[in-house]
PDB file of N, CA and C in Angstrom:
ATOM      1  N   MET A   1     -15.810 -29.505 -14.294  1.00  0.00           N
ATOM      2  CA  MET A   1     -16.397 -28.866 -13.088  1.00  0.00           C
ATOM      3  C   MET A   1     -17.811 -28.259 -13.595  1.00  0.00           C
ATOM      4  N   GLU A   2     -18.833 -28.440 -12.908  1.00  0.00           N
ATOM      5  CA  GLU A   2     -20.087 -27.756 -13.207  1.00  0.00           C
ATOM      6  C   GLU A   2     -20.316 -26.451 -12.375  1.00  0.00           C
ATOM      7  N   ILE A   3     -20.462 -25.514 -12.887  1.00  0.00           N
ATOM      8  CA  ILE A   3     -20.807 -24.182 -12.057  1.00  0.00           C
ATOM      9  C   ILE A   3     -22.406 -23.965 -12.245  1.00  0.00           C
ATOM     10  N   THR A   4     -23.037 -23.819 -11.164  1.00  0.00           N
ATOM     11  CA  THR A   4     -24.385 -23.554 -11.334  1.00  0.00           C
ATOM     12  C   THR A   4     -24.662 -22.171 -10.832  1.00  0.00           C
ATOM     13  N   SER A   5     -23.874 -21.561  -9.845  1.00  0.00           N
ATOM     14  CA  SER A   5     -24.154 -20.252  -9.559  1.00  0.00           C
ATOM     15  C   SER A   5     -22.688 -19.639  -9.197  1.00  0.00           C
ATOM     16  N   THR A   6     -22.655 -18.360  -8.872  1.00  0.00           N
ATOM     17  CA  THR A   6     -21.342 -17.593  -8.455  1.00  0.00           C
ATOM     18  C   THR A   6     -20.817 -18.273  -7.040  1.00  0.00           C
ATOM     19  N   LYS A   7     -21.713 -18.847  -6.327  1.00  0.00           N
ATOM     20  CA  LYS A   7     -21.252 -19.477  -5.048  1.00  0.00           C
ATOM     21  C   LYS A   7     -20.270 -20.747  -5.299  1.00  0.00           C
ATOM     22  N   ASP A   8     -20.407 -21.180  -6.415  1.00  0.00           N
ATOM     23  CA  ASP A   8     -19.394 -22.455  -6.684  1.00  0.00           C
ATOM     24  C   ASP A   8     -18.179 -21.911  -7.047  1.00  0.00           C
ATOM     25  N   ILE A   9     -17.822 -20.610  -7.312  1.00  0.00           N
ATOM     26  CA  ILE A   9     -16.612 -20.149  -7.710  1.00  0.00           C
ATOM     27  C   ILE A   9     -15.740 -19.531  -6.483  1.00  0.00           C
ATOM     28  N   GLU A  10     -14.439 -20.047  -6.248  1.00  0.00           N
ATOM     29  CA  GLU A  10     -13.749 -19.716  -5.177  1.00  0.00           C
ATOM     30  C   GLU A  10     -13.041 -18.522  -5.442  1.00  0.00           C
ATOM     31  N   VAL A  11     -13.289 -17.433  -4.663  1.00  0.00           N
ATOM     32  CA  VAL A  11     -12.375 -16.059  -4.858  1.00  0.00           C
ATOM     33  C   VAL A  11     -11.268 -15.912  -3.808  1.00  0.00           C
ATOM     34  N   PRO A  12     -10.127 -15.787  -4.560  1.00  0.00           N
ATOM     35  CA  PRO A  12      -8.984 -15.688  -3.738  1.00  0.00           C
ATOM     36  C   PRO A  12      -9.053 -14.602  -2.597  1.00  0.00           C
ATOM     37  N   LYS A  13      -8.467 -14.650  -1.503  1.00  0.00           N
ATOM     38  CA  LYS A  13      -8.455 -13.816  -0.402  1.00  0.00           C
ATOM     39  C   LYS A  13      -7.646 -12.380  -0.766  1.00  0.00           C
ATOM     40  N   LYS A  14      -6.441 -12.511  -1.534  1.00  0.00           N
ATOM     41  CA  LYS A  14      -5.660 -11.453  -1.737  1.00  0.00           C
ATOM     42  C   LYS A  14      -6.305 -10.831  -3.057  1.00  0.00           C
ATOM     43  N   LEU A  15      -6.213  -9.591  -3.032  1.00  0.00           N
ATOM     44  CA  LEU A  15      -6.750  -8.698  -4.241  1.00  0.00           C
ATOM     45  C   LEU A  15      -5.858  -9.193  -5.421  1.00  0.00           C
ATOM     46  N   ILE A  16      -4.768  -9.046  -5.229  1.00  0.00           N
ATOM     47  CA  ILE A  16      -3.564  -9.231  -6.361  1.00  0.00           C
ATOM     48  C   ILE A  16      -3.844 -10.510  -7.143  1.00  0.00           C
ATOM     49  N   GLU A  17      -4.581 -11.524  -6.429  1.00  0.00           N
ATOM     50  CA  GLU A  17      -4.784 -12.898  -7.045  1.00  0.00           C
ATOM     51  C   GLU A  17      -6.083 -12.904  -7.836  1.00  0.00           C
ATOM     52  N   GLN A  18      -6.934 -11.706  -7.622  1.00  0.00           N
ATOM     53  CA  GLN A  18      -8.210 -11.625  -8.252  1.00  0.00           C
ATOM     54  C   GLN A  18      -8.073 -10.842  -9.521  1.00  0.00           C
ATOM     55  N   VAL A  19      -6.855 -10.286  -9.904  1.00  0.00           N
ATOM     56  CA  VAL A  19      -6.767  -9.531 -11.064  1.00  0.00           C
ATOM     57  C   VAL A  19      -6.491 -10.633 -12.445  1.00  0.00           C
ATOM     58  N   ILE A  20      -7.310 -10.363 -13.331  1.00  0.00           N
ATOM     59  CA  ILE A  20      -7.411 -11.236 -14.562  1.00  0.00           C
ATOM     60  C   ILE A  20      -6.902 -10.642 -15.706  1.00  0.00           C
ATOM     61  N   GLY A  21      -6.212 -11.224 -16.545  1.00  0.00           N
ATOM     62  CA  GLY A  21      -5.757 -10.577 -17.880  1.00  0.00           C
ATOM     63  C   GLY A  21      -4.546  -9.612 -17.756  1.00  0.00           C
ATOM     64  N   GLN A  22      -4.124  -9.259 -16.706  1.00  0.00           N
ATOM     65  CA  GLN A  22      -3.065  -8.220 -16.600  1.00  0.00           C
ATOM     66  C   GLN A  22      -1.740  -8.913 -15.808  1.00  0.00           C
ATOM     67  N   GLU A  23      -1.312  -9.998 -16.352  1.00  0.00           N
ATOM     68  CA  GLU A  23      -0.089 -10.806 -15.773  1.00  0.00           C
ATOM     69  C   GLU A  23       0.990  -9.834 -15.507  1.00  0.00           C
ATOM     70  N   HIS A  24       1.386  -9.064 -16.765  1.00  0.00           N
ATOM     71  CA  HIS A  24       2.510  -8.265 -16.646  1.00  0.00           C
ATOM     72  C   HIS A  24       2.528  -7.121 -15.574  1.00  0.00           C
ATOM     73  N   ALA A  25       1.239  -6.580 -15.460  1.00  0.00           N
ATOM     74  CA  ALA A  25       1.048  -5.493 -14.410  1.00  0.00           C
ATOM     75  C   ALA A  25       1.069  -6.039 -13.081  1.00  0.00           C
ATOM     76  N   VAL A  26       0.710  -7.443 -12.976  1.00  0.00           N
ATOM     77  CA  VAL A  26       0.743  -7.873 -11.524  1.00  0.00           C
ATOM     78  C   VAL A  26       2.088  -8.338 -11.161  1.00  0.00           C
ATOM     79  N   GLU A  27       2.801  -8.670 -12.019  1.00  0.00           N
ATOM     80  CA  GLU A  27       4.259  -8.874 -11.868  1.00  0.00           C
ATOM     81  C   GLU A  27       5.058  -7.656 -11.337  1.00  0.00           C
ATOM     82  N   VAL A  28       4.813  -6.603 -12.047  1.00  0.00           N
ATOM     83  CA  VAL A  28       5.431  -5.298 -11.963  1.00  0.00           C
ATOM     84  C   VAL A  28       5.006  -4.794 -10.536  1.00  0.00           C
ATOM     85  N   VAL A  29       3.584  -4.923 -10.129  1.00  0.00           N
ATOM     86  CA  VAL A  29       3.320  -4.303  -8.976  1.00  0.00           C
ATOM     87  C   VAL A  29       3.913  -5.100  -7.863  1.00  0.00           C
ATOM     88  N   LYS A  30       3.931  -6.653  -7.854  1.00  0.00           N
ATOM     89  CA  LYS A  30       4.523  -7.352  -6.788  1.00  0.00           C
ATOM     90  C   LYS A  30       6.052  -6.964  -6.668  1.00  0.00           C
ATOM     91  N   LYS A  31       6.738  -6.628  -7.658  1.00  0.00           N
ATOM     92  CA  LYS A  31       8.185  -6.449  -7.608  1.00  0.00           C
ATOM     93  C   LYS A  31       8.219  -4.986  -6.923  1.00  0.00           C
ATOM     94  N   ALA A  32       7.449  -4.032  -7.421  1.00  0.00           N
ATOM     95  CA  ALA A  32       7.515  -2.701  -6.900  1.00  0.00           C
ATOM     96  C   ALA A  32       7.188  -2.643  -5.305  1.00  0.00           C
ATOM     97  N   ALA A  33       6.121  -3.374  -5.003  1.00  0.00           N
ATOM     98  CA  ALA A  33       5.785  -3.333  -3.621  1.00  0.00           C
ATOM     99  C   ALA A  33       6.817  -4.101  -2.670  1.00  0.00           C
ATOM    100  N   ASN A  34       7.399  -5.126  -3.286  1.00  0.00           N
ATOM    101  CA  ASN A  34       8.452  -5.801  -2.578  1.00  0.00           C
ATOM    102  C   ASN A  34       9.786  -4.975  -2.343  1.00  0.00           C
ATOM    103  N   GLN A  35      10.080  -4.129  -3.369  1.00  0.00           N
ATOM    104  CA  GLN A  35      11.224  -3.206  -3.463  1.00  0.00           C
ATOM    105  C   GLN A  35      10.859  -1.734  -2.843  1.00  0.00           C
ATOM    106  N   ARG A  36       9.729  -1.649  -2.411  1.00  0.00           N
ATOM    107  CA  ARG A  36       9.174  -0.372  -1.927  1.00  0.00           C
ATOM    108  C   ARG A  36       9.418   0.667  -2.768  1.00  0.00           C
ATOM    109  N   ARG A  37       8.982   0.603  -4.110  1.00  0.00           N
ATOM    110  CA  ARG A  37       8.912   1.568  -5.219  1.00  0.00           C
ATOM    111  C   ARG A  37       7.734   2.136  -5.789  1.00  0.00           C
ATOM    112  N   HIS A  38       7.827   3.246  -6.567  1.00  0.00           N
ATOM    113  CA  HIS A  38       6.523   3.679  -6.991  1.00  0.00           C
ATOM    114  C   HIS A  38       6.261   2.983  -8.429  1.00  0.00           C
ATOM    115  N   VAL A  39       4.799   3.146  -8.764  1.00  0.00           N
ATOM    116  CA  VAL A  39       4.629   2.608 -10.044  1.00  0.00           C
ATOM    117  C   VAL A  39       3.598   3.610 -10.574  1.00  0.00           C
ATOM    118  N   MET A  40       3.657   3.910 -11.741  1.00  0.00           N
ATOM    119  CA  MET A  40       2.871   4.921 -12.585  1.00  0.00           C
ATOM    120  C   MET A  40       2.024   4.070 -13.497  1.00  0.00           C
ATOM    121  N   MET A  41       0.782   4.271 -13.278  1.00  0.00           N
ATOM    122  CA  MET A  41      -0.155   3.460 -14.384  1.00  0.00           C
ATOM    123  C   MET A  41      -0.989   4.340 -15.141  1.00  0.00           C
ATOM    124  N   LEU A  42      -0.862   4.021 -16.505  1.00  0.00           N
ATOM    125  CA  LEU A  42      -1.702   4.834 -17.340  1.00  0.00           C
ATOM    126  C   LEU A  42      -2.691   3.931 -18.139  1.00  0.00           C
ATOM    127  N   GLY A  43      -3.740   4.464 -18.399  1.00  0.00           N
ATOM    128  CA  GLY A  43      -4.633   3.650 -19.275  1.00  0.00           C
ATOM    129  C   GLY A  43      -6.151   4.189 -19.246  1.00  0.00           C
ATOM    130  N   ILE A  44      -6.856   3.603 -20.137  1.00  0.00           N
ATOM    131  CA  ILE A  44      -8.356   4.102 -20.266  1.00  0.00           C
ATOM    132  C   ILE A  44      -9.071   3.587 -19.006  1.00  0.00           C
ATOM    133  N   PRO A  45     -10.196   4.145 -18.807  1.00  0.00           N
ATOM    134  CA  PRO A  45     -11.081   3.695 -17.628  1.00  0.00           C
ATOM    135  C   PRO A  45     -11.320   2.221 -17.782  1.00  0.00           C
ATOM    136  N   GLY A  46     -11.383   1.588 -16.712  1.00  0.00           N
ATOM    137  CA  GLY A  46     -11.790   0.173 -16.701  1.00  0.00           C
ATOM    138  C   GLY A  46     -10.765  -0.823 -16.887  1.00  0.00           C
ATOM    139  N   THR A  47      -9.418  -0.423 -17.027  1.00  0.00           N
ATOM    140  CA  THR A  47      -8.421  -1.330 -17.364  1.00  0.00           C
ATOM    141  C   THR A  47      -7.725  -2.021 -16.004  1.00  0.00           C
ATOM    142  N   GLY A  48      -8.188  -1.589 -14.811  1.00  0.00           N
ATOM    143  CA  GLY A  48      -7.780  -2.095 -13.487  1.00  0.00           C
ATOM    144  C   GLY A  48      -6.726  -1.404 -12.884  1.00  0.00           C
ATOM    145  N   LYS A  49      -6.655  -0.174 -13.091  1.00  0.00           N
ATOM    146  CA  LYS A  49      -5.538   0.703 -12.551  1.00  0.00           C
ATOM    147  C   LYS A  49      -5.832   0.767 -10.985  1.00  0.00           C
ATOM    148  N   SER A  50      -6.906   1.062 -10.632  1.00  0.00           N
ATOM    149  CA  SER A  50      -7.396   1.283  -9.247  1.00  0.00           C
ATOM    150  C   SER A  50      -7.276  -0.092  -8.522  1.00  0.00           C
ATOM    151  N   MET A  51      -7.700  -1.116  -9.104  1.00  0.00           N
ATOM    152  CA  MET A  51      -7.539  -2.445  -8.474  1.00  0.00           C
ATOM    153  C   MET A  51      -6.122  -2.780  -8.184  1.00  0.00           C
ATOM    154  N   LEU A  52      -5.178  -2.584  -9.012  1.00  0.00           N
ATOM    155  CA  LEU A  52      -3.896  -2.836  -8.900  1.00  0.00           C
ATOM    156  C   LEU A  52      -3.205  -2.044  -7.892  1.00  0.00           C
ATOM    157  N   ALA A  53      -3.785  -0.762  -7.805  1.00  0.00           N
ATOM    158  CA  ALA A  53      -3.129   0.131  -6.870  1.00  0.00           C
ATOM    159  C   ALA A  53      -3.493  -0.408  -5.345  1.00  0.00           C
ATOM    160  N   LYS A  54      -4.739  -0.855  -5.322  1.00  0.00           N
ATOM    161  CA  LYS A  54      -5.378  -1.251  -3.996  1.00  0.00           C
ATOM    162  C   LYS A  54      -4.634  -2.598  -3.639  1.00  0.00           C
ATOM    163  N   ALA A  55      -4.391  -3.357  -4.616  1.00  0.00           N
ATOM    164  CA  ALA A  55      -3.586  -4.597  -4.389  1.00  0.00           C
ATOM    165  C   ALA A  55      -2.246  -4.292  -3.916  1.00  0.00           C
ATOM    166  N   MET A  56      -1.596  -3.360  -4.537  1.00  0.00           N
ATOM    167  CA  MET A  56      -0.318  -3.010  -4.154  1.00  0.00           C
ATOM    168  C   MET A  56      -0.222  -2.647  -2.755  1.00  0.00           C
ATOM    169  N   ALA A  57      -1.279  -1.854  -2.158  1.00  0.00           N
ATOM    170  CA  ALA A  57      -1.513  -1.421  -0.897  1.00  0.00           C
ATOM    171  C   ALA A  57      -1.482  -2.623   0.057  1.00  0.00           C
ATOM    172  N   GLU A  58      -2.045  -3.572  -0.334  1.00  0.00           N
ATOM    173  CA  GLU A  58      -2.172  -4.936   0.594  1.00  0.00           C
ATOM    174  C   GLU A  58      -0.800  -5.610   0.671  1.00  0.00           C
ATOM    175  N   LEU A  59      -0.067  -5.441  -0.400  1.00  0.00           N
ATOM    176  CA  LEU A  59       1.229  -6.055  -0.347  1.00  0.00           C
ATOM    177  C   LEU A  59       2.264  -5.384   0.293  1.00  0.00           C
ATOM    178  N   LEU A  60       2.345  -4.028   0.578  1.00  0.00           N
ATOM    179  CA  LEU A  60       3.351  -3.399   1.365  1.00  0.00           C
ATOM    180  C   LEU A  60       3.328  -3.719   2.720  1.00  0.00           C
ATOM    181  N   PRO A  61       4.371  -3.773   3.383  1.00  0.00           N
ATOM    182  CA  PRO A  61       4.445  -4.228   4.661  1.00  0.00           C
ATOM    183  C   PRO A  61       3.663  -3.026   5.524  1.00  0.00           C
ATOM    184  N   LYS A  62       3.135  -3.468   6.652  1.00  0.00           N
ATOM    185  CA  LYS A  62       2.637  -2.385   7.674  1.00  0.00           C
ATOM    186  C   LYS A  62       3.807  -1.828   8.312  1.00  0.00           C
ATOM    187  N   GLU A  63       3.553  -0.400   8.478  1.00  0.00           N
ATOM    188  CA  GLU A  63       4.499   0.371   9.158  1.00  0.00           C
ATOM    189  C   GLU A  63       3.980   0.922  10.568  1.00  0.00           C
ATOM    190  N   GLU A  64       4.704   0.981  11.475  1.00  0.00           N
ATOM    191  CA  GLU A  64       4.513   1.425  12.743  1.00  0.00           C
ATOM    192  C   GLU A  64       4.305   2.996  12.770  1.00  0.00           C
ATOM    193  N   LEU A  65       3.045   3.353  13.295  1.00  0.00           N
ATOM    194  CA  LEU A  65       2.690   4.803  13.154  1.00  0.00           C
ATOM    195  C   LEU A  65       3.532   5.494  14.448  1.00  0.00           C
ATOM    196  N   GLN A  66       3.991   6.751  14.111  1.00  0.00           N
ATOM    197  CA  GLN A  66       4.836   7.571  15.096  1.00  0.00           C
ATOM    198  C   GLN A  66       4.149   8.898  15.206  1.00  0.00           C
ATOM    199  N   ASP A  67       4.328   9.285  16.509  1.00  0.00           N
ATOM    200  CA  ASP A  67       3.803  10.706  16.701  1.00  0.00           C
ATOM    201  C   ASP A  67       5.169  11.549  16.844  1.00  0.00           C
ATOM    202  N   VAL A  68       5.101  12.540  16.183  1.00  0.00           N
ATOM    203  CA  VAL A  68       6.258  13.611  16.199  1.00  0.00           C
ATOM    204  C   VAL A  68       5.905  15.029  16.752  1.00  0.00           C
ATOM    205  N   LEU A  69       6.804  15.437  17.735  1.00  0.00           N
ATOM    206  CA  LEU A  69       6.629  16.771  18.390  1.00  0.00           C
ATOM    207  C   LEU A  69       7.696  17.659  17.865  1.00  0.00           C
ATOM    208  N   ILE A  70       7.260  18.878  17.471  1.00  0.00           N
ATOM    209  CA  ILE A  70       8.214  19.878  16.782  1.00  0.00           C
ATOM    210  C   ILE A  70       8.361  20.900  17.680  1.00  0.00           C
ATOM    211  N   TYR A  71       9.600  21.278  18.221  1.00  0.00           N
ATOM    212  CA  TYR A  71       9.764  22.538  19.070  1.00  0.00           C
ATOM    213  C   TYR A  71      10.645  23.595  18.368  1.00  0.00           C
ATOM    214  N   HIS A  72      10.444  24.835  18.788  1.00  0.00           N
ATOM    215  CA  HIS A  72      11.070  25.951  18.268  1.00  0.00           C
ATOM    216  C   HIS A  72      12.640  25.864  18.815  1.00  0.00           C
ATOM    217  N   ASN A  73      13.429  26.083  17.941  1.00  0.00           N
ATOM    218  CA  ASN A  73      14.881  26.103  18.502  1.00  0.00           C
ATOM    219  C   ASN A  73      15.308  27.537  18.417  1.00  0.00           C
ATOM    220  N   GLN A  74      15.802  27.937  19.687  1.00  0.00           N
ATOM    221  CA  GLN A  74      16.197  29.310  20.002  1.00  0.00           C
ATOM    222  C   GLN A  74      17.552  29.499  19.369  1.00  0.00           C
ATOM    223  N   ARG A  75      18.345  28.551  19.352  1.00  0.00           N
ATOM    224  CA  ARG A  75      19.645  28.802  18.931  1.00  0.00           C
ATOM    225  C   ARG A  75      19.829  28.933  17.581  1.00  0.00           C
ATOM    226  N   ILE A  76      19.263  27.924  16.715  1.00  0.00           N
ATOM    227  CA  ILE A  76      19.279  27.904  15.215  1.00  0.00           C
ATOM    228  C   ILE A  76      17.845  27.778  14.739  1.00  0.00           C
ATOM    229  N   ARG A  77      17.433  29.125  14.311  1.00  0.00           N
ATOM    230  CA  ARG A  77      16.055  29.233  13.967  1.00  0.00           C
ATOM    231  C   ARG A  77      15.477  28.505  12.807  1.00  0.00           C
ATOM    232  N   ILE A  78      16.395  28.034  11.834  1.00  0.00           N
ATOM    233  CA  ILE A  78      16.058  27.382  10.755  1.00  0.00           C
ATOM    234  C   ILE A  78      16.131  25.949  10.876  1.00  0.00           C
ATOM    235  N   LEU A  79      16.404  25.467  12.175  1.00  0.00           N
ATOM    236  CA  LEU A  79      16.665  23.950  12.370  1.00  0.00           C
ATOM    237  C   LEU A  79      15.947  23.776  13.578  1.00  0.00           C
ATOM    238  N   PRO A  80      14.566  23.284  13.538  1.00  0.00           N
ATOM    239  CA  PRO A  80      13.574  23.094  14.595  1.00  0.00           C
ATOM    240  C   PRO A  80      14.233  21.616  15.245  1.00  0.00           C
ATOM    241  N   ARG A  81      13.804  21.765  16.607  1.00  0.00           N
ATOM    242  CA  ARG A  81      14.088  20.391  17.307  1.00  0.00           C
ATOM    243  C   ARG A  81      12.864  19.464  17.245  1.00  0.00           C
ATOM    244  N   TYR A  82      13.179  18.263  17.212  1.00  0.00           N
ATOM    245  CA  TYR A  82      11.961  17.324  17.260  1.00  0.00           C
ATOM    246  C   TYR A  82      12.104  16.107  18.078  1.00  0.00           C
ATOM    247  N   GLU A  83      11.237  15.349  18.484  1.00  0.00           N
ATOM    248  CA  GLU A  83      11.172  14.106  19.141  1.00  0.00           C
ATOM    249  C   GLU A  83      10.007  13.252  18.428  1.00  0.00           C
ATOM    250  N   SER A  84      10.356  12.129  18.282  1.00  0.00           N
ATOM    251  CA  SER A  84       9.339  11.268  17.728  1.00  0.00           C
ATOM    252  C   SER A  84       9.105  10.042  18.696  1.00  0.00           C
ATOM    253  N   PHE A  85       7.928   9.498  18.701  1.00  0.00           N
ATOM    254  CA  PHE A  85       7.474   8.371  19.736  1.00  0.00           C
ATOM    255  C   PHE A  85       6.846   7.534  18.935  1.00  0.00           C
ATOM    256  N   LEU A  86       6.933   6.154  19.207  1.00  0.00           N
ATOM    257  CA  LEU A  86       6.172   5.126  18.652  1.00  0.00           C
ATOM    258  C   LEU A  86       4.766   5.313  19.156  1.00  0.00           C
ATOM    259  N   ARG A  87       3.686   5.007  18.521  1.00  0.00           N
ATOM    260  CA  ARG A  87       2.402   5.353  18.845  1.00  0.00           C
ATOM    261  C   ARG A  87       2.060   4.640  20.072  1.00  0.00           C
ATOM    262  N   GLU A  88       2.484   3.442  20.453  1.00  0.00           N
ATOM    263  CA  GLU A  88       2.200   2.533  21.523  1.00  0.00           C
ATOM    264  C   GLU A  88       2.817   3.203  22.764  1.00  0.00           C
ATOM    265  N   LYS A  89       3.971   3.875  22.609  1.00  0.00           N
ATOM    266  CA  LYS A  89       4.646   4.508  23.850  1.00  0.00           C
ATOM    267  C   LYS A  89       4.141   5.795  24.089  1.00  0.00           C
ATOM    268  N   ALA A  90       3.549   6.365  23.008  1.00  0.00           N
ATOM    269  CA  ALA A  90       2.897   7.720  23.272  1.00  0.00           C
ATOM    270  C   ALA A  90       1.681   7.709  24.009  1.00  0.00           C
ATOM    271  N   LYS A  91       0.931   6.640  23.882  1.00  0.00           N
ATOM    272  CA  LYS A  91      -0.365   6.403  24.519  1.00  0.00           C
ATOM    273  C   LYS A  91      -0.151   6.288  26.259  1.00  0.00           C
ATOM    274  N   ARG A  92       0.821   6.020  26.713  1.00  0.00           N
ATOM    275  CA  ARG A  92       1.048   5.832  28.196  1.00  0.00           C
ATOM    276  C   ARG A  92       1.065   7.073  28.884  1.00  0.00           C
TER     277      ARG A  92
END
């Protein structure tokens, strides 16, 4: 395959597939995202920590936003009352 410019190189859509040379880190990030766990990354600048974190954010499932209302509880002062609404229902 002859490459004459960067236009000839196909760039993957997912950020995790664009990571080069960090196969073990990619595997750990994929597993952590699938299991909804935390990952702590340490390393010198330029090793891809931020890119892996952004890639993990892409892998996590999208959550539905909720609005939460907190009310003062006259009967039990240390236990506030609350109601939560899915964002779609709250707009009505």
